[in-house]
Amino acid sequence: MEIKSVKIQSNGWLLNGIMSVPNASGNRERELIVEWLKTNTPEPEFTTDELLQQIEDAKPKVVTPLQARLALSQLDSK
């Protein structure tokens, strides 16, 4: 398997953007990543853009009183 990218995750790595590899001995992909890390630097768990998006997503959404009443009336009709 060719390693194109490795991104740090809380319990291991994200390999080539598609495979989550736990940091557990005896795992073939983990051994490949350990060798790769000897000459390469992994990407951080979150990029600056991803962190900014998480902050934006966590902000409370503002609705007008009319939007709130409409949403509540739709709940009443169900």
Protein backbone atom coordinates (compact mmCIF):
# COMPACT_ATOMS: atom_id res chain seq x y z
CA MET A 1 0.00 0.00 0.00
CA GLU A 2 1.34 3.41 -0.95
CA ILE A 3 1.06 6.05 1.76
CA LYS A 4 0.07 9.42 0.33
CA SER A 5 -1.01 11.14 3.55
CA VAL A 6 -1.23 10.50 7.27
CA LYS A 7 -3.37 12.63 9.55
CA ILE A 8 -3.20 12.39 13.34
CA GLN A 9 -6.38 11.15 15.04
CA SER A 10 -7.16 10.79 18.73
CA ASN A 11 -6.61 7.01 18.72
CA GLY A 12 -4.24 6.62 15.77
CA TRP A 13 -4.09 7.96 12.23
CA LEU A 14 -6.18 8.60 9.15
CA LEU A 15 -4.37 6.91 6.26
CA ASN A 16 -4.72 8.42 2.77
CA GLY A 17 -7.86 10.24 3.90
CA ILE A 18 -9.94 7.05 3.94
CA MET A 19 -8.70 4.47 6.44
CA SER A 20 -8.70 4.95 10.20
CA VAL A 21 -5.74 3.04 11.65
CA PRO A 22 -5.63 2.53 15.43
CA ASN A 23 -2.33 2.78 17.25
CA ALA A 24 -2.34 -0.89 18.20
CA SER A 25 0.64 -3.17 17.81
CA GLY A 26 0.26 -6.06 15.40
CA ASN A 27 -1.69 -3.95 12.90
CA ARG A 28 -0.09 -4.14 9.44
CA GLU A 29 -1.12 -0.62 8.43
CA ARG A 30 0.16 0.76 11.75
CA GLU A 31 3.56 -0.74 11.05
CA LEU A 32 3.62 0.91 7.61
CA ILE A 33 2.71 4.26 9.18
CA VAL A 34 5.40 3.92 11.86
CA GLU A 35 8.01 3.38 9.12
CA TRP A 36 6.58 6.30 7.10
CA LEU A 37 6.78 8.58 10.17
CA LYS A 38 10.55 8.04 10.36
CA THR A 39 11.01 10.26 7.30
CA ASN A 40 7.72 12.18 7.06
CA THR A 41 5.57 14.50 9.17
CA PRO A 42 1.87 13.72 9.65
CA GLU A 43 -0.83 16.35 9.23
CA PRO A 44 -2.45 17.69 12.41
CA GLU A 45 -5.79 16.25 13.55
CA PHE A 46 -7.59 19.43 12.50
CA THR A 47 -6.55 22.14 10.07
CA THR A 48 -7.15 25.79 10.89
CA ASP A 49 -10.09 25.82 8.44
CA GLU A 50 -11.63 22.76 10.09
CA LEU A 51 -11.30 24.35 13.55
CA LEU A 52 -12.88 27.58 12.32
CA GLN A 53 -15.75 25.61 10.79
CA GLN A 54 -16.31 23.78 14.08
CA ILE A 55 -16.50 27.14 15.90
CA GLU A 56 -18.93 28.48 13.30
CA ASP A 57 -21.12 25.35 13.54
CA ALA A 58 -21.21 25.64 17.35
CA LYS A 59 -22.51 29.22 17.32
CA PRO A 60 -26.17 29.50 18.21
CA LYS A 61 -28.36 30.23 15.24
CA VAL A 62 -30.46 33.39 15.43
CA VAL A 63 -34.08 33.20 14.35
CA THR A 64 -36.75 35.87 14.24
CA PRO A 65 -39.86 35.58 16.41
CA LEU A 66 -41.87 34.81 13.26
CA GLN A 67 -39.51 31.96 12.31
CA ALA A 68 -39.84 30.55 15.83
CA ARG A 69 -43.67 30.67 15.71
CA LEU A 70 -43.71 29.00 12.29
CA ALA A 71 -41.41 26.23 13.48
CA LEU A 72 -43.56 25.68 16.59
CA SER A 73 -46.76 25.63 14.54
CA GLN A 74 -45.25 22.94 12.29
CA LEU A 75 -44.53 20.84 15.37
CA ASP A 76 -48.13 21.27 16.57
CA SER A 77 -49.50 20.00 13.26
CA LYS A 78 -47.56 16.70 13.45
